[in-house]
């Protein structure tokens, strides 16, 4: 798993009334994880970031596995792209997760 990079810059601001405030800017590079369920060589296969992690599943088992993995990644704050191939080759895409900041 690639680490999330975070850099911080601090600025000191002097207002009209002599008050000093600290403004902290945080730049984050959130990690995106991609899970995919596709039919490969006659078997339903689950991929993570382009690498096959489980082969020989039924379609419903592969989808459930990918959804479980996606949920775990979202819980860690990762952005998740979930791609699922339909029976006729069509692809559905869902992009979720990431860290919400105020």
N, C-alpha and C. Protein backbone atom coordinates (compact mmCIF):
# COMPACT_ATOMS: atom_id res chain seq x y z
N UNK A 1 0.84 -1.17 0.00
CA UNK A 1 0.00 0.00 0.00
C UNK A 1 0.88 1.23 0.00
N UNK A 2 0.63 2.14 -0.93
CA UNK A 2 1.42 3.36 -1.02
C UNK A 2 1.01 4.32 0.09
N UNK A 3 1.98 4.97 0.71
CA UNK A 3 1.63 5.90 1.79
C UNK A 3 0.98 7.15 1.25
N UNK A 4 0.17 7.76 2.08
CA UNK A 4 -0.44 9.04 1.73
C UNK A 4 0.55 10.13 2.07
N UNK A 5 0.84 10.99 1.12
CA UNK A 5 1.75 12.09 1.38
C UNK A 5 0.97 13.28 1.89
N UNK A 6 1.57 13.98 2.81
CA UNK A 6 0.92 15.16 3.38
C UNK A 6 1.98 16.22 3.59
N UNK A 7 1.75 17.41 3.08
CA UNK A 7 2.67 18.51 3.33
C UNK A 7 1.91 19.64 3.99
N UNK A 8 2.62 20.38 4.80
CA UNK A 8 1.98 21.44 5.58
C UNK A 8 2.73 22.74 5.39
N UNK A 9 2.00 23.81 5.26
CA UNK A 9 2.61 25.15 5.22
C UNK A 9 1.89 26.01 6.25
N UNK A 10 2.65 26.75 7.02
CA UNK A 10 2.05 27.63 8.03
C UNK A 10 2.35 29.07 7.68
N UNK A 11 1.35 29.91 7.85
CA UNK A 11 1.49 31.33 7.59
C UNK A 11 1.02 32.08 8.82
N UNK A 12 1.71 33.16 9.14
CA UNK A 12 1.30 34.00 10.26
C UNK A 12 0.69 35.27 9.69
N UNK A 13 -0.50 35.58 10.13
CA UNK A 13 -1.24 36.72 9.60
C UNK A 13 -1.44 37.74 10.71
N UNK A 14 -1.12 38.98 10.43
CA UNK A 14 -1.36 40.05 11.40
C UNK A 14 -2.57 40.83 10.93
N UNK A 15 -3.56 40.88 11.78
CA UNK A 15 -4.78 41.60 11.43
C UNK A 15 -4.65 43.09 11.77
N UNK A 16 -5.70 43.84 11.50
CA UNK A 16 -5.73 45.28 11.76
C UNK A 16 -5.66 45.59 13.25
N UNK A 17 -6.04 44.64 14.08
CA UNK A 17 -6.09 44.90 15.51
C UNK A 17 -4.91 44.29 16.25
N UNK A 18 -3.88 43.90 15.53
CA UNK A 18 -2.68 43.37 16.16
C UNK A 18 -2.77 41.92 16.57
N UNK A 19 -3.85 41.23 16.23
CA UNK A 19 -3.99 39.82 16.57
C UNK A 19 -3.16 38.98 15.61
N UNK A 20 -2.57 37.94 16.10
CA UNK A 20 -1.78 37.04 15.26
C UNK A 20 -2.51 35.70 15.22
N UNK A 21 -2.77 35.27 14.03
CA UNK A 21 -3.44 33.99 13.82
C UNK A 21 -2.52 33.10 13.00
N UNK A 22 -2.65 31.82 13.18
CA UNK A 22 -1.90 30.86 12.38
C UNK A 22 -2.86 30.19 11.42
N UNK A 23 -2.52 30.23 10.15
CA UNK A 23 -3.30 29.57 9.11
C UNK A 23 -2.49 28.38 8.64
N UNK A 24 -3.04 27.21 8.76
CA UNK A 24 -2.34 25.99 8.39
C UNK A 24 -2.99 25.40 7.15
N UNK A 25 -2.23 25.31 6.08
CA UNK A 25 -2.72 24.71 4.83
C UNK A 25 -2.15 23.32 4.71
N UNK A 26 -3.00 22.37 4.46
CA UNK A 26 -2.58 20.98 4.35
C UNK A 26 -2.92 20.48 2.96
N UNK A 27 -1.90 20.01 2.26
CA UNK A 27 -2.12 19.42 0.93
C UNK A 27 -2.00 17.92 1.08
N UNK A 28 -2.99 17.19 0.62
CA UNK A 28 -2.98 15.73 0.73
C UNK A 28 -3.01 15.11 -0.64
N UNK A 29 -2.36 14.01 -0.75
CA UNK A 29 -2.46 13.20 -1.97
C UNK A 29 -3.11 11.89 -1.55
N UNK A 30 -4.43 11.82 -1.69
CA UNK A 30 -5.15 10.63 -1.26
C UNK A 30 -4.90 9.50 -2.24
N UNK A 31 -4.91 8.32 -1.71
CA UNK A 31 -4.68 7.12 -2.50
C UNK A 31 -5.99 6.68 -3.14
N UNK A 32 -5.89 6.27 -4.39
CA UNK A 32 -7.05 5.69 -5.06
C UNK A 32 -6.76 4.21 -5.30
N UNK A 33 -7.74 3.40 -4.96
CA UNK A 33 -7.64 1.96 -5.17
C UNK A 33 -8.69 1.58 -6.20
N UNK A 34 -8.31 0.73 -7.14
CA UNK A 34 -9.25 0.29 -8.16
C UNK A 34 -9.48 -1.21 -8.00
N UNK A 35 -10.74 -1.57 -7.91
CA UNK A 35 -11.13 -2.98 -7.90
C UNK A 35 -11.97 -3.22 -9.15
N UNK A 36 -11.78 -4.37 -9.75
CA UNK A 36 -12.54 -4.70 -10.96
C UNK A 36 -12.95 -6.17 -10.92
N UNK A 37 -14.12 -6.44 -11.46
CA UNK A 37 -14.62 -7.80 -11.63
C UNK A 37 -14.85 -7.99 -13.12
N UNK A 38 -14.10 -8.93 -13.70
CA UNK A 38 -14.23 -9.19 -15.14
C UNK A 38 -14.20 -10.68 -15.42
N UNK A 39 -14.70 -11.01 -16.60
CA UNK A 39 -14.65 -12.39 -17.08
C UNK A 39 -13.34 -12.56 -17.84
N UNK A 40 -12.44 -13.37 -17.29
CA UNK A 40 -11.13 -13.59 -17.92
C UNK A 40 -10.90 -15.08 -18.08
N UNK A 41 -10.66 -15.49 -19.29
CA UNK A 41 -10.41 -16.91 -19.61
C UNK A 41 -11.53 -17.81 -19.09
N UNK A 42 -12.76 -17.34 -19.16
CA UNK A 42 -13.91 -18.14 -18.76
C UNK A 42 -14.22 -18.12 -17.28
N UNK A 43 -13.41 -17.44 -16.48
CA UNK A 43 -13.63 -17.36 -15.03
C UNK A 43 -13.83 -15.90 -14.62
N UNK A 44 -14.67 -15.71 -13.63
CA UNK A 44 -14.83 -14.37 -13.07
C UNK A 44 -13.64 -14.11 -12.15
N UNK A 45 -13.00 -12.98 -12.36
CA UNK A 45 -11.75 -12.64 -11.67
C UNK A 45 -11.88 -11.29 -11.00
N UNK A 46 -11.31 -11.17 -9.80
CA UNK A 46 -11.26 -9.90 -9.08
C UNK A 46 -9.85 -9.34 -9.22
N UNK A 47 -9.78 -8.08 -9.61
CA UNK A 47 -8.51 -7.38 -9.76
C UNK A 47 -8.41 -6.26 -8.74
N UNK A 48 -7.20 -6.01 -8.28
CA UNK A 48 -6.90 -4.84 -7.45
C UNK A 48 -5.77 -4.10 -8.13
N UNK A 49 -6.03 -2.85 -8.49
CA UNK A 49 -5.04 -2.01 -9.17
C UNK A 49 -4.40 -2.73 -10.36
N UNK A 50 -5.23 -3.45 -11.12
CA UNK A 50 -4.78 -4.08 -12.36
C UNK A 50 -4.18 -5.46 -12.21
N UNK A 51 -4.03 -5.96 -11.00
CA UNK A 51 -3.47 -7.29 -10.79
C UNK A 51 -4.55 -8.24 -10.28
N UNK A 52 -4.61 -9.42 -10.88
CA UNK A 52 -5.60 -10.41 -10.46
C UNK A 52 -5.27 -10.88 -9.04
N UNK A 53 -6.30 -10.83 -8.17
CA UNK A 53 -6.08 -11.29 -6.80
C UNK A 53 -6.90 -12.55 -6.48
N UNK A 54 -7.93 -12.82 -7.28
CA UNK A 54 -8.72 -14.05 -7.07
C UNK A 54 -9.37 -14.45 -8.39
N UNK A 55 -9.20 -15.71 -8.76
CA UNK A 55 -9.77 -16.24 -10.00
C UNK A 55 -10.72 -17.38 -9.69
N UNK A 56 -11.52 -17.75 -10.69
CA UNK A 56 -12.34 -18.95 -10.59
C UNK A 56 -13.57 -18.81 -9.72
N UNK A 57 -14.07 -17.59 -9.58
CA UNK A 57 -15.25 -17.34 -8.75
C UNK A 57 -16.51 -17.29 -9.60
N UNK A 58 -17.64 -17.44 -8.95
CA UNK A 58 -18.89 -17.11 -9.64
C UNK A 58 -18.95 -15.59 -9.71
N UNK A 59 -19.79 -15.09 -10.60
CA UNK A 59 -19.90 -13.64 -10.74
C UNK A 59 -20.36 -13.00 -9.43
N UNK A 60 -21.37 -13.58 -8.79
CA UNK A 60 -21.88 -12.98 -7.56
C UNK A 60 -20.83 -13.02 -6.44
N UNK A 61 -20.04 -14.09 -6.34
CA UNK A 61 -18.98 -14.16 -5.33
C UNK A 61 -17.88 -13.13 -5.60
N UNK A 62 -17.56 -12.96 -6.87
CA UNK A 62 -16.53 -11.98 -7.24
C UNK A 62 -16.99 -10.56 -6.92
N UNK A 63 -18.25 -10.26 -7.23
CA UNK A 63 -18.79 -8.93 -6.93
C UNK A 63 -18.80 -8.69 -5.42
N UNK A 64 -19.22 -9.69 -4.66
CA UNK A 64 -19.25 -9.54 -3.20
C UNK A 64 -17.85 -9.31 -2.64
N UNK A 65 -16.88 -10.05 -3.15
CA UNK A 65 -15.50 -9.88 -2.69
C UNK A 65 -14.99 -8.47 -3.00
N UNK A 66 -15.24 -8.00 -4.23
CA UNK A 66 -14.79 -6.66 -4.62
C UNK A 66 -15.47 -5.59 -3.77
N UNK A 67 -16.76 -5.76 -3.51
CA UNK A 67 -17.48 -4.79 -2.67
C UNK A 67 -16.94 -4.78 -1.24
N UNK A 68 -16.63 -5.94 -0.70
CA UNK A 68 -16.06 -6.02 0.65
C UNK A 68 -14.70 -5.34 0.71
N UNK A 69 -13.86 -5.60 -0.29
CA UNK A 69 -12.54 -4.97 -0.34
C UNK A 69 -12.68 -3.45 -0.50
N UNK A 70 -13.62 -3.03 -1.33
CA UNK A 70 -13.85 -1.60 -1.53
C UNK A 70 -14.31 -0.94 -0.23
N UNK A 71 -15.18 -1.60 0.48
CA UNK A 71 -15.66 -1.06 1.75
C UNK A 71 -14.51 -0.89 2.74
N UNK A 72 -13.64 -1.90 2.83
CA UNK A 72 -12.49 -1.81 3.73
C UNK A 72 -11.57 -0.65 3.35
N UNK A 73 -11.34 -0.47 2.06
CA UNK A 73 -10.49 0.63 1.60
C UNK A 73 -11.13 1.99 1.91
N UNK A 74 -12.45 2.09 1.72
CA UNK A 74 -13.16 3.33 2.04
C UNK A 74 -13.07 3.65 3.52
N UNK A 75 -13.14 2.62 4.36
CA UNK A 75 -13.03 2.81 5.81
C UNK A 75 -11.68 3.40 6.20
N UNK A 76 -10.64 3.08 5.41
CA UNK A 76 -9.30 3.63 5.67
C UNK A 76 -9.13 5.03 5.09
N UNK A 77 -10.14 5.52 4.37
CA UNK A 77 -10.08 6.85 3.80
C UNK A 77 -9.62 6.91 2.36
N UNK A 78 -9.45 5.75 1.72
CA UNK A 78 -9.03 5.72 0.32
C UNK A 78 -10.21 6.02 -0.59
N UNK A 79 -9.91 6.63 -1.72
CA UNK A 79 -10.90 6.77 -2.77
C UNK A 79 -10.91 5.45 -3.53
N UNK A 80 -12.10 4.96 -3.88
CA UNK A 80 -12.22 3.65 -4.51
C UNK A 80 -12.97 3.77 -5.83
N UNK A 81 -12.41 3.14 -6.85
CA UNK A 81 -13.10 2.97 -8.12
C UNK A 81 -13.43 1.50 -8.24
N UNK A 82 -14.70 1.20 -8.42
CA UNK A 82 -15.17 -0.18 -8.53
C UNK A 82 -15.75 -0.38 -9.93
N UNK A 83 -15.15 -1.29 -10.68
CA UNK A 83 -15.60 -1.60 -12.04
C UNK A 83 -16.14 -3.02 -12.06
N UNK A 84 -17.35 -3.19 -12.59
CA UNK A 84 -17.95 -4.52 -12.65
C UNK A 84 -18.44 -4.77 -14.07
N UNK A 85 -17.95 -5.86 -14.65
CA UNK A 85 -18.35 -6.24 -16.00
C UNK A 85 -19.67 -7.00 -15.94
N UNK A 86 -20.57 -6.63 -16.84
CA UNK A 86 -21.84 -7.33 -16.95
C UNK A 86 -21.69 -8.60 -17.78
N UNK A 87 -22.76 -9.35 -17.86
CA UNK A 87 -22.74 -10.61 -18.62
C UNK A 87 -22.48 -10.39 -20.10
N UNK A 88 -22.83 -9.22 -20.62
CA UNK A 88 -22.70 -8.95 -22.05
C UNK A 88 -21.52 -8.02 -22.36
N UNK A 89 -20.59 -7.87 -21.41
CA UNK A 89 -19.39 -7.08 -21.65
C UNK A 89 -19.48 -5.62 -21.23
N UNK A 90 -20.68 -5.16 -20.89
CA UNK A 90 -20.82 -3.77 -20.45
C UNK A 90 -20.16 -3.60 -19.08
N UNK A 91 -19.67 -2.40 -18.80
CA UNK A 91 -18.99 -2.13 -17.53
C UNK A 91 -19.77 -1.09 -16.74
N UNK A 92 -19.92 -1.34 -15.45
CA UNK A 92 -20.48 -0.32 -14.56
C UNK A 92 -19.33 0.21 -13.71
N UNK A 93 -19.41 1.49 -13.37
CA UNK A 93 -18.33 2.13 -12.63
C UNK A 93 -18.90 2.89 -11.45
N UNK A 94 -18.24 2.75 -10.30
CA UNK A 94 -18.64 3.49 -9.11
C UNK A 94 -17.38 4.08 -8.48
N UNK A 95 -17.41 5.36 -8.19
CA UNK A 95 -16.29 6.05 -7.57
C UNK A 95 -16.75 6.58 -6.23
N UNK A 96 -16.12 6.12 -5.16
CA UNK A 96 -16.56 6.52 -3.81
C UNK A 96 -15.38 6.68 -2.89
N UNK A 97 -15.68 7.08 -1.67
CA UNK A 97 -14.69 7.11 -0.61
C UNK A 97 -13.89 8.39 -0.58
N UNK A 98 -12.73 8.31 0.02
CA UNK A 98 -11.88 9.47 0.22
C UNK A 98 -12.15 10.11 1.56
N UNK A 99 -11.28 11.01 1.94
CA UNK A 99 -11.40 11.67 3.22
C UNK A 99 -12.10 13.00 3.03
N UNK A 100 -13.14 13.21 3.80
CA UNK A 100 -13.82 14.49 3.76
C UNK A 100 -13.18 15.43 4.75
N UNK A 101 -12.86 16.65 4.30
CA UNK A 101 -12.27 17.63 5.19
C UNK A 101 -13.18 18.85 5.25
N UNK A 102 -13.27 19.44 6.44
CA UNK A 102 -14.12 20.61 6.62
C UNK A 102 -13.49 21.84 6.01
